[in-house]
């Protein structure tokens, strides 16, 4: 390894990582409760939509940033299967961080059709959530719900892998993302 090789992510990448992580964890814990179909509440639905939009926007920014500022090299002690799994997991994370908000947005039209009380939902209290009409018969609400469950598993795998590297392998992989 070169003596001056970068071993940590830069400040922007770290800030985006931790902000997106907090928003995702909030949504995984409270997202379903914010969309209470028994008593539709546009304020809570707007929080749900706004956080989803923020995750989408920040994830696209992070993906663009990552193309300009690649990740620091992985520890040399990692096995080839760990490196491959890490790369696959990160690709899936980006697909989910972008796909989940989009599937939620696509499910919104059906949600409003079934529960008109959600019609006043807005992004950040500024812009109404536009209902996207589609006639493909795809159950985006089911896709969104299953995607959320998959994201729980993905986040759990990510956290467990980071802890394994930090405390079992002791390769300071976690230190790459610490400010």
Foldseek 3Di string as FASTA:
>chain_A
DDPPAQLADDPLLLVLVVVLVVLLVCCLVCVVVLCDLVDGDQVSVLVNLQSLVVLQVSLVVSVVVCVVPPAGDDDPPDDPVVVVVVVVLVVVVSCLSNVLSVLVLQQVLVSCVSRVSNQQHAHVVPGGSDHDDDDPPDNSVVVNVVSSVVVVVSVVVVVVVQCCCCPVVVRCSVVNSDD
